[in-house]
Amino acid sequence: MGAQMMGQRALLHTENLAVGHAGKAVLRDVQLDLQPGSLTAVIGINGVGKSTLLRTLAGLLLPVQGKVLLGETDLDGLSVAQRARYIAVVLTGRPDTGQLDVETLVSFGRHPWTDRWGRASEADNEAVERALQATGTEHLRHRQARSCSDGECQKVLIARALAQDTPLMLLDEPTAFLDLPNRAAVVRMLRTIAHNGNKAVLFSTHDLQLAMDLCDKLVLLRSGDAPWQGTPAQALASGELARAFAGTGVEFDPVGGTHRFVP
């Protein structure tokens, strides 16, 4: 755990949280803390509830039970506009951006902060410029967003979330459909955003090695069991990582810090 996380109060905290659909829980007893300056990956097999958890933490789904707290404030008690000043969300897949150019798309992240007529201030323009530079997308500013590659598009969507200037960022599988170099680039970018911007960044992923190498914490989702949260080293040494992937044909070496696929 990085020194920047020690002793800091959680930006997001859950209490007795259960998440699911139509009143039926897929995950129970979710006890989660997201601290400033930290990058956290949500790991688990398909169908275990990663997207459902992310959407509930973002306020897009109501909890089946329990609370999501932002500081001491219940997320359910906030308006959409209030949440947008606290949490930026990037969902899976490419949005329909029509004829929008990249700079305009990124500027949409400033909507929670613009005046009642949606007019951008100099501070808004500066935030957009910082987001483009931080994500390495400034050279794309005049391109139509729909012409961008998958890797470029993911960076642009992260730029939009970064321009929103929130203490929390939640991303649902931001490395899906990307090749290995682009997956690594996106996770490194999220790590830099979290550490340099003192933000709490949480993302779901299937890329176990990148999560182990680059994240400060992991949230392991296990079917029929409460989620586990801790550092990658703790996850490996405690056997929690092996339990999360039991029966999937993956073996973990807690001494060497590696994993392999069993024939």
C-alpha atoms as a PDB file:
ATOM      1  CA  MET A   1       0.000   0.000   0.000  1.00  0.00           C
ATOM      2  CA  GLY A   2       1.418   3.365  -1.032  1.00  0.00           C
ATOM      3  CA  ALA A   3       2.325   5.947   1.568  1.00  0.00           C
ATOM      4  CA  GLN A   4      -0.177   8.371   0.018  1.00  0.00           C
ATOM      5  CA  MET A   5      -3.045   6.100   1.146  1.00  0.00           C
ATOM      6  CA  MET A   6      -2.036   5.656   4.764  1.00  0.00           C
ATOM      7  CA  GLY A   7      -4.264   7.344   7.311  1.00  0.00           C
ATOM      8  CA  GLN A   8      -6.603   8.891   4.761  1.00  0.00           C
ATOM      9  CA  ARG A   9     -10.349   8.718   5.105  1.00  0.00           C
ATOM     10  CA  ALA A  10     -12.240   6.681   2.514  1.00  0.00           C
ATOM     11  CA  LEU A  11     -13.909   8.673  -0.249  1.00  0.00           C
ATOM     12  CA  LEU A  12     -16.398   5.843  -0.760  1.00  0.00           C
ATOM     13  CA  HIS A  13     -17.499   3.322   1.837  1.00  0.00           C
ATOM     14  CA  THR A  14     -20.147   0.613   1.789  1.00  0.00           C
ATOM     15  CA  GLU A  15     -22.158  -0.717   4.702  1.00  0.00           C
ATOM     16  CA  ASN A  16     -23.851  -4.127   4.613  1.00  0.00           C
ATOM     17  CA  LEU A  17     -24.219  -3.702   0.844  1.00  0.00           C
ATOM     18  CA  ALA A  18     -25.969  -6.239  -1.372  1.00  0.00           C
ATOM     19  CA  VAL A  19     -26.195  -5.646  -5.120  1.00  0.00           C
ATOM     20  CA  GLY A  20     -28.303  -7.277  -7.801  1.00  0.00           C
ATOM     21  CA  HIS A  21     -31.343  -6.898 -10.004  1.00  0.00           C
ATOM     22  CA  ALA A  22     -35.095  -6.835  -9.297  1.00  0.00           C
ATOM     23  CA  GLY A  23     -34.490  -7.307  -5.580  1.00  0.00           C
ATOM     24  CA  LYS A  24     -32.389 -10.444  -6.074  1.00  0.00           C
ATOM     25  CA  ALA A  25     -28.823 -10.141  -4.801  1.00  0.00           C
ATOM     26  CA  VAL A  26     -25.838 -11.452  -6.738  1.00  0.00           C
ATOM     27  CA  LEU A  27     -23.334 -10.146  -4.157  1.00  0.00           C
ATOM     28  CA  ARG A  28     -23.853  -9.734  -0.420  1.00  0.00           C
ATOM     29  CA  ASP A  29     -21.835  -8.394   2.513  1.00  0.00           C
ATOM     30  CA  VAL A  30     -19.869  -5.973   0.326  1.00  0.00           C
ATOM     31  CA  GLN A  31     -17.577  -4.029   2.665  1.00  0.00           C
ATOM     32  CA  LEU A  32     -15.588  -1.703   0.461  1.00  0.00           C
ATOM     33  CA  ASP A  33     -13.362   1.324   1.096  1.00  0.00           C
ATOM     34  CA  LEU A  34     -11.896   3.484  -1.662  1.00  0.00           C
ATOM     35  CA  GLN A  35      -9.216   5.882  -0.507  1.00  0.00           C
ATOM     36  CA  PRO A  36      -7.710   8.901  -2.274  1.00  0.00           C
ATOM     37  CA  GLY A  37      -4.531   8.220  -4.214  1.00  0.00           C
ATOM     38  CA  SER A  38      -5.378   4.564  -4.834  1.00  0.00           C
ATOM     39  CA  LEU A  39      -5.983   2.369  -7.879  1.00  0.00           C
ATOM     40  CA  THR A  40      -8.219  -0.628  -7.190  1.00  0.00           C
ATOM     41  CA  ALA A  41      -9.155  -3.456  -9.548  1.00  0.00           C
ATOM     42  CA  VAL A  42     -12.323  -5.543  -9.266  1.00  0.00           C
ATOM     43  CA  ILE A  43     -11.482  -9.125 -10.242  1.00  0.00           C
ATOM     44  CA  GLY A  44     -13.725 -12.154 -10.676  1.00  0.00           C
ATOM     45  CA  ILE A  45     -15.004 -14.742 -13.118  1.00  0.00           C
ATOM     46  CA  ASN A  46     -17.702 -13.946 -15.679  1.00  0.00           C
ATOM     47  CA  GLY A  47     -21.174 -13.445 -14.239  1.00  0.00           C
ATOM     48  CA  VAL A  48     -20.028 -12.957 -10.661  1.00  0.00           C
ATOM     49  CA  GLY A  49     -21.320  -9.363 -10.495  1.00  0.00           C
ATOM     50  CA  LYS A  50     -18.499  -6.993 -11.445  1.00  0.00           C
ATOM     51  CA  SER A  51     -20.614  -4.707 -13.637  1.00  0.00           C
ATOM     52  CA  THR A  52     -23.532  -4.840 -11.211  1.00  0.00           C
ATOM     53  CA  LEU A  53     -21.265  -3.731  -8.366  1.00  0.00           C
ATOM     54  CA  LEU A  54     -19.767  -0.882 -10.431  1.00  0.00           C
ATOM     55  CA  ARG A  55     -23.188   0.371 -11.500  1.00  0.00           C
ATOM     56  CA  THR A  56     -24.462   0.282  -7.932  1.00  0.00           C
ATOM     57  CA  LEU A  57     -21.451   2.208  -6.632  1.00  0.00           C
ATOM     58  CA  ALA A  58     -22.076   4.780  -9.398  1.00  0.00           C
ATOM     59  CA  GLY A  59     -25.733   5.190  -8.420  1.00  0.00           C
ATOM     60  CA  LEU A  60     -27.013   3.694 -11.689  1.00  0.00           C
ATOM     61  CA  LEU A  61     -28.568   0.751  -9.823  1.00  0.00           C
ATOM     62  CA  LEU A  62     -30.241   0.841  -6.416  1.00  0.00           C
ATOM     63  CA  PRO A  63     -28.745  -1.406  -3.717  1.00  0.00           C
ATOM     64  CA  VAL A  64     -30.720  -4.512  -2.863  1.00  0.00           C
ATOM     65  CA  GLN A  65     -29.672  -3.850   0.716  1.00  0.00           C
ATOM     66  CA  GLY A  66     -27.331  -1.558   2.630  1.00  0.00           C
ATOM     67  CA  LYS A  67     -25.700   1.722   1.702  1.00  0.00           C
ATOM     68  CA  VAL A  68     -23.080   3.332  -0.487  1.00  0.00           C
ATOM     69  CA  LEU A  69     -21.611   6.310   1.376  1.00  0.00           C
ATOM     70  CA  LEU A  70     -19.659   9.195  -0.098  1.00  0.00           C
ATOM     71  CA  GLY A  71     -17.905  10.451   2.981  1.00  0.00           C
ATOM     72  CA  GLU A  72     -20.837  10.422   5.401  1.00  0.00           C
ATOM     73  CA  THR A  73     -23.502  11.076   2.743  1.00  0.00           C
ATOM     74  CA  ASP A  74     -25.748   8.301   1.447  1.00  0.00           C
ATOM     75  CA  LEU A  75     -25.394   8.081  -2.342  1.00  0.00           C
ATOM     76  CA  ASP A  76     -29.148   7.519  -2.697  1.00  0.00           C
ATOM     77  CA  GLY A  77     -29.813  10.930  -1.151  1.00  0.00           C
ATOM     78  CA  LEU A  78     -27.916  12.829  -3.836  1.00  0.00           C
ATOM     79  CA  SER A  79     -29.338  14.189  -7.068  1.00  0.00           C
ATOM     80  CA  VAL A  80     -27.884  13.160 -10.412  1.00  0.00           C
ATOM     81  CA  ALA A  81     -26.156  16.548 -10.644  1.00  0.00           C
ATOM     82  CA  GLN A  82     -24.632  16.190  -7.175  1.00  0.00           C
ATOM     83  CA  ARG A  83     -23.351  12.694  -7.939  1.00  0.00           C
ATOM     84  CA  ALA A  84     -21.801  13.963 -11.170  1.00  0.00           C
ATOM     85  CA  ARG A  85     -19.612  16.321  -9.155  1.00  0.00           C
ATOM     86  CA  TYR A  86     -18.323  13.442  -7.049  1.00  0.00           C
ATOM     87  CA  ILE A  87     -18.181  10.385  -9.333  1.00  0.00           C
ATOM     88  CA  ALA A  88     -17.084  10.077 -12.972  1.00  0.00           C
ATOM     89  CA  VAL A  89     -18.133   6.871 -14.722  1.00  0.00           C
ATOM     90  CA  VAL A  90     -16.816   5.116 -17.839  1.00  0.00           C
ATOM     91  CA  LEU A  91     -18.959   2.180 -18.964  1.00  0.00           C
ATOM     92  CA  THR A  92     -18.021  -0.718 -21.233  1.00  0.00           C
ATOM     93  CA  GLY A  93     -18.304  -0.272 -24.993  1.00  0.00           C
ATOM     94  CA  ARG A  94     -18.087   2.562 -27.490  1.00  0.00           C
ATOM     95  CA  PRO A  95     -20.821   5.190 -27.180  1.00  0.00           C
ATOM     96  CA  ASP A  96     -22.588   6.570 -30.241  1.00  0.00           C
ATOM     97  CA  THR A  97     -20.760   9.867 -30.679  1.00  0.00           C
ATOM     98  CA  GLY A  98     -22.265  10.860 -34.035  1.00  0.00           C
ATOM     99  CA  GLN A  99     -20.328  13.706 -35.652  1.00  0.00           C
ATOM    100  CA  LEU A 100     -18.677  14.882 -32.420  1.00  0.00           C
ATOM    101  CA  ASP A 101     -14.979  15.622 -32.465  1.00  0.00           C
ATOM    102  CA  VAL A 102     -12.781  14.434 -29.626  1.00  0.00           C
ATOM    103  CA  GLU A 103     -12.391  17.820 -27.939  1.00  0.00           C
ATOM    104  CA  THR A 104     -16.163  18.372 -27.857  1.00  0.00           C
ATOM    105  CA  LEU A 105     -16.735  14.886 -26.446  1.00  0.00           C
ATOM    106  CA  VAL A 106     -14.170  15.458 -23.702  1.00  0.00           C
ATOM    107  CA  SER A 107     -15.754  18.832 -22.908  1.00  0.00           C
ATOM    108  CA  PHE A 108     -19.016  17.047 -22.046  1.00  0.00           C
ATOM    109  CA  GLY A 109     -17.267  16.026 -18.843  1.00  0.00           C
ATOM    110  CA  ARG A 110     -17.529  19.651 -17.712  1.00  0.00           C
ATOM    111  CA  HIS A 111     -21.349  19.732 -17.752  1.00  0.00           C
ATOM    112  CA  PRO A 112     -21.695  19.296 -13.960  1.00  0.00           C
ATOM    113  CA  TRP A 113     -19.655  22.491 -13.518  1.00  0.00           C
ATOM    114  CA  THR A 114     -20.937  24.801 -16.278  1.00  0.00           C
ATOM    115  CA  ASP A 115     -23.537  27.503 -15.658  1.00  0.00           C
ATOM    116  CA  ARG A 116     -27.284  27.018 -16.108  1.00  0.00           C
ATOM    117  CA  TRP A 117     -26.979  27.703 -19.844  1.00  0.00           C
ATOM    118  CA  GLY A 118     -24.131  25.225 -20.261  1.00  0.00           C
ATOM    119  CA  ARG A 119     -21.592  27.886 -21.108  1.00  0.00           C
ATOM    120  CA  ALA A 120     -17.946  26.910 -20.619  1.00  0.00           C
ATOM    121  CA  SER A 121     -15.664  29.166 -18.588  1.00  0.00           C
ATOM    122  CA  GLU A 122     -11.928  29.550 -18.945  1.00  0.00           C
ATOM    123  CA  ALA A 123     -11.552  27.116 -16.033  1.00  0.00           C
ATOM    124  CA  ASP A 124     -13.657  24.570 -17.961  1.00  0.00           C
ATOM    125  CA  ASN A 125     -11.508  24.968 -21.064  1.00  0.00           C
ATOM    126  CA  GLU A 126      -8.357  24.544 -18.988  1.00  0.00           C
ATOM    127  CA  ALA A 127      -9.756  21.362 -17.407  1.00  0.00           C
ATOM    128  CA  VAL A 128     -10.442  19.912 -20.853  1.00  0.00           C
ATOM    129  CA  GLU A 129      -6.923  20.775 -21.999  1.00  0.00           C
ATOM    130  CA  ARG A 130      -5.398  19.138 -18.916  1.00  0.00           C
ATOM    131  CA  ALA A 131      -7.462  16.008 -19.511  1.00  0.00           C
ATOM    132  CA  LEU A 132      -6.372  15.778 -23.148  1.00  0.00           C
ATOM    133  CA  GLN A 133      -2.731  16.179 -22.195  1.00  0.00           C
ATOM    134  CA  ALA A 134      -2.906  13.720 -19.277  1.00  0.00           C
ATOM    135  CA  THR A 135      -4.355  11.012 -21.519  1.00  0.00           C
ATOM    136  CA  GLY A 136      -2.135  11.751 -24.511  1.00  0.00           C
ATOM    137  CA  THR A 137      -5.123  12.530 -26.731  1.00  0.00           C
ATOM    138  CA  GLU A 138      -4.450  16.187 -27.528  1.00  0.00           C
ATOM    139  CA  HIS A 139      -3.383  15.254 -31.071  1.00  0.00           C
ATOM    140  CA  LEU A 140      -6.834  13.744 -31.617  1.00  0.00           C
ATOM    141  CA  ARG A 141      -8.783  16.848 -30.586  1.00  0.00           C
ATOM    142  CA  HIS A 142     -10.094  17.667 -34.091  1.00  0.00           C
ATOM    143  CA  ARG A 143     -10.761  14.067 -35.143  1.00  0.00           C
ATOM    144  CA  GLN A 144     -14.289  12.687 -35.147  1.00  0.00           C
ATOM    145  CA  ALA A 145     -14.482  10.433 -32.103  1.00  0.00           C
ATOM    146  CA  ARG A 146     -16.054   7.619 -34.122  1.00  0.00           C
ATOM    147  CA  SER A 147     -12.916   7.476 -36.318  1.00  0.00           C
ATOM    148  CA  CYS A 148     -10.668   6.660 -33.365  1.00  0.00           C
ATOM    149  CA  SER A 149      -9.326   3.168 -32.801  1.00  0.00           C
ATOM    150  CA  ASP A 150     -10.552   1.177 -29.804  1.00  0.00           C
ATOM    151  CA  GLY A 151      -7.443   2.117 -27.839  1.00  0.00           C
ATOM    152  CA  GLU A 152      -7.736   5.790 -28.754  1.00  0.00           C
ATOM    153  CA  CYS A 153     -11.451   5.799 -27.951  1.00  0.00           C
ATOM    154  CA  GLN A 154     -10.857   4.352 -24.492  1.00  0.00           C
ATOM    155  CA  LYS A 155      -8.314   7.053 -23.737  1.00  0.00           C
ATOM    156  CA  VAL A 156     -10.754   9.723 -24.965  1.00  0.00           C
ATOM    157  CA  LEU A 157     -13.503   8.385 -22.674  1.00  0.00           C
ATOM    158  CA  ILE A 158     -11.057   8.448 -19.764  1.00  0.00           C
ATOM    159  CA  ALA A 159     -10.192  12.031 -20.739  1.00  0.00           C
ATOM    160  CA  ARG A 160     -13.880  12.951 -20.563  1.00  0.00           C
ATOM    161  CA  ALA A 161     -14.105  11.421 -17.084  1.00  0.00           C
ATOM    162  CA  LEU A 162     -10.905  13.180 -16.041  1.00  0.00           C
ATOM    163  CA  ALA A 163     -12.237  16.536 -17.284  1.00  0.00           C
ATOM    164  CA  GLN A 164     -15.208  15.987 -14.955  1.00  0.00           C
ATOM    165  CA  ASP A 165     -12.742  16.633 -12.119  1.00  0.00           C
ATOM    166  CA  THR A 166     -14.231  14.304  -9.504  1.00  0.00           C
ATOM    167  CA  PRO A 167     -12.500  12.680  -6.535  1.00  0.00           C
ATOM    168  CA  LEU A 168     -13.833   9.265  -7.627  1.00  0.00           C
ATOM    169  CA  MET A 169     -13.560   7.506 -10.991  1.00  0.00           C
ATOM    170  CA  LEU A 170     -15.345   4.205 -11.711  1.00  0.00           C
ATOM    171  CA  LEU A 171     -14.617   2.297 -14.931  1.00  0.00           C
ATOM    172  CA  ASP A 172     -16.277  -0.909 -16.131  1.00  0.00           C
ATOM    173  CA  GLU A 173     -13.722  -3.050 -18.012  1.00  0.00           C
ATOM    174  CA  PRO A 174     -11.817  -0.174 -19.635  1.00  0.00           C
ATOM    175  CA  THR A 175      -9.295  -2.597 -21.164  1.00  0.00           C
ATOM    176  CA  ALA A 176     -11.867  -4.816 -22.907  1.00  0.00           C
ATOM    177  CA  PHE A 177     -11.232  -5.331 -26.644  1.00  0.00           C
ATOM    178  CA  LEU A 178      -7.712  -3.853 -26.431  1.00  0.00           C
ATOM    179  CA  ASP A 179      -4.443  -5.584 -27.256  1.00  0.00           C
ATOM    180  CA  LEU A 180      -1.840  -6.131 -24.543  1.00  0.00           C
ATOM    181  CA  PRO A 181       0.211  -2.926 -25.091  1.00  0.00           C
ATOM    182  CA  ASN A 182      -2.946  -0.795 -25.034  1.00  0.00           C
ATOM    183  CA  ARG A 183      -4.310  -2.618 -21.974  1.00  0.00           C
ATOM    184  CA  ALA A 184      -1.070  -1.916 -20.138  1.00  0.00           C
ATOM    185  CA  ALA A 185      -1.083   1.719 -21.290  1.00  0.00           C
ATOM    186  CA  VAL A 186      -4.621   2.273 -19.996  1.00  0.00           C
ATOM    187  CA  VAL A 187      -3.916   0.734 -16.586  1.00  0.00           C
ATOM    188  CA  ARG A 188      -0.676   2.727 -16.236  1.00  0.00           C
ATOM    189  CA  MET A 189      -2.661   5.849 -17.117  1.00  0.00           C
ATOM    190  CA  LEU A 190      -5.251   5.077 -14.446  1.00  0.00           C
ATOM    191  CA  ARG A 191      -2.476   4.501 -11.910  1.00  0.00           C
ATOM    192  CA  THR A 192      -0.938   7.892 -12.729  1.00  0.00           C
ATOM    193  CA  ILE A 193      -4.345   9.603 -12.519  1.00  0.00           C
ATOM    194  CA  ALA A 194      -5.005   8.054  -9.106  1.00  0.00           C
ATOM    195  CA  HIS A 195      -1.597   8.784  -7.608  1.00  0.00           C
ATOM    196  CA  ASN A 196      -0.861  12.194  -9.109  1.00  0.00           C
ATOM    197  CA  GLY A 197      -4.433  13.460  -8.835  1.00  0.00           C
ATOM    198  CA  ASN A 198      -5.042  11.960  -5.365  1.00  0.00           C
ATOM    199  CA  LYS A 199      -8.191  10.299  -6.715  1.00  0.00           C
ATOM    200  CA  ALA A 200      -9.794   6.989  -5.860  1.00  0.00           C
ATOM    201  CA  VAL A 201      -9.966   5.012  -9.115  1.00  0.00           C
ATOM    202  CA  LEU A 202     -11.800   1.686  -9.291  1.00  0.00           C
ATOM    203  CA  PHE A 203     -12.053  -0.445 -12.429  1.00  0.00           C
ATOM    204  CA  SER A 204     -13.231  -3.938 -13.260  1.00  0.00           C
ATOM    205  CA  THR A 205     -11.032  -6.167 -15.362  1.00  0.00           C
ATOM    206  CA  HIS A 206     -10.292  -9.716 -16.465  1.00  0.00           C
ATOM    207  CA  ASP A 207      -6.595  -8.919 -16.827  1.00  0.00           C
ATOM    208  CA  LEU A 208      -5.262 -10.469 -13.647  1.00  0.00           C
ATOM    209  CA  GLN A 209      -1.544  -9.884 -14.302  1.00  0.00           C
ATOM    210  CA  LEU A 210      -1.914  -6.173 -14.969  1.00  0.00           C
ATOM    211  CA  ALA A 211      -4.041  -5.819 -11.841  1.00  0.00           C
ATOM    212  CA  MET A 212      -1.427  -7.650  -9.777  1.00  0.00           C
ATOM    213  CA  ASP A 213       1.458  -5.618 -11.198  1.00  0.00           C
ATOM    214  CA  LEU A 214      -0.015  -2.108 -11.254  1.00  0.00           C
ATOM    215  CA  CYS A 215      -2.853  -1.822  -8.720  1.00  0.00           C
ATOM    216  CA  ASP A 216      -2.659  -0.787  -5.082  1.00  0.00           C
ATOM    217  CA  LYS A 217      -5.606  -2.942  -4.084  1.00  0.00           C
ATOM    218  CA  LEU A 218      -7.792  -5.731  -5.407  1.00  0.00           C
ATOM    219  CA  VAL A 219     -11.444  -6.478  -4.766  1.00  0.00           C
ATOM    220  CA  LEU A 220     -11.988 -10.206  -5.329  1.00  0.00           C
ATOM    221  CA  LEU A 221     -15.533 -11.308  -6.102  1.00  0.00           C
ATOM    222  CA  ARG A 222     -16.366 -14.921  -5.283  1.00  0.00           C
ATOM    223  CA  SER A 223     -19.677 -16.616  -6.065  1.00  0.00           C
ATOM    224  CA  GLY A 224     -21.509 -17.456  -2.836  1.00  0.00           C
ATOM    225  CA  ASP A 225     -19.010 -15.633  -0.638  1.00  0.00           C
ATOM    226  CA  ALA A 226     -18.446 -12.045   0.482  1.00  0.00           C
ATOM    227  CA  PRO A 227     -15.996  -9.979  -1.590  1.00  0.00           C
ATOM    228  CA  TRP A 228     -12.455  -9.627  -0.292  1.00  0.00           C
ATOM    229  CA  GLN A 229     -10.351  -6.441  -0.445  1.00  0.00           C
ATOM    230  CA  GLY A 230      -6.623  -6.056   0.093  1.00  0.00           C
ATOM    231  CA  THR A 231      -3.296  -5.553  -1.638  1.00  0.00           C
ATOM    232  CA  PRO A 232      -2.161  -7.857  -4.460  1.00  0.00           C
ATOM    233  CA  ALA A 233       0.541  -9.297  -2.190  1.00  0.00           C
ATOM    234  CA  GLN A 234      -2.023 -10.035   0.527  1.00  0.00           C
ATOM    235  CA  ALA A 235      -4.377 -11.615  -2.010  1.00  0.00           C
ATOM    236  CA  LEU A 236      -1.670 -14.005  -3.167  1.00  0.00           C
ATOM    237  CA  ALA A 237      -0.105 -14.832   0.208  1.00  0.00           C
ATOM    238  CA  SER A 238      -3.430 -15.402   1.974  1.00  0.00           C
ATOM    239  CA  GLY A 239      -4.785 -17.782  -0.647  1.00  0.00           C
ATOM    240  CA  GLU A 240      -7.765 -15.504  -1.314  1.00  0.00           C
ATOM    241  CA  LEU A 241      -6.749 -15.145  -4.971  1.00  0.00           C
ATOM    242  CA  ALA A 242      -6.610 -18.923  -5.408  1.00  0.00           C
ATOM    243  CA  ARG A 243     -10.036 -19.258  -3.772  1.00  0.00           C
ATOM    244  CA  ALA A 244     -11.509 -16.629  -6.098  1.00  0.00           C
ATOM    245  CA  PHE A 245     -10.385 -18.663  -9.129  1.00  0.00           C
ATOM    246  CA  ALA A 246     -10.921 -22.153  -7.705  1.00  0.00           C
ATOM    247  CA  GLY A 247     -11.986 -24.628 -10.368  1.00  0.00           C
ATOM    248  CA  THR A 248     -11.006 -22.397 -13.295  1.00  0.00           C
ATOM    249  CA  GLY A 249      -7.753 -24.159 -14.161  1.00  0.00           C
ATOM    250  CA  VAL A 250      -5.492 -21.431 -12.801  1.00  0.00           C
ATOM    251  CA  GLU A 251      -2.830 -22.186 -10.183  1.00  0.00           C
ATOM    252  CA  PHE A 252      -1.084 -19.568  -8.049  1.00  0.00           C
ATOM    253  CA  ASP A 253       2.380 -19.619  -6.533  1.00  0.00           C
ATOM    254  CA  PRO A 254       2.330 -17.389  -3.412  1.00  0.00           C
ATOM    255  CA  VAL A 255       6.116 -17.689  -3.012  1.00  0.00           C
ATOM    256  CA  GLY A 256       7.096 -16.770  -6.554  1.00  0.00           C
ATOM    257  CA  GLY A 257       4.161 -14.390  -7.001  1.00  0.00           C
ATOM    258  CA  THR A 258       3.137 -16.012 -10.274  1.00  0.00           C
ATOM    259  CA  HIS A 259       0.219 -17.930 -11.730  1.00  0.00           C
ATOM    260  CA  ARG A 260      -0.083 -20.477 -14.527  1.00  0.00           C
ATOM    261  CA  PHE A 261      -2.756 -22.255 -16.494  1.00  0.00           C
ATOM    262  CA  VAL A 262      -3.149 -25.973 -15.810  1.00  0.00           C
ATOM    263  CA  PRO A 263      -3.547 -28.252 -18.892  1.00  0.00           C
END
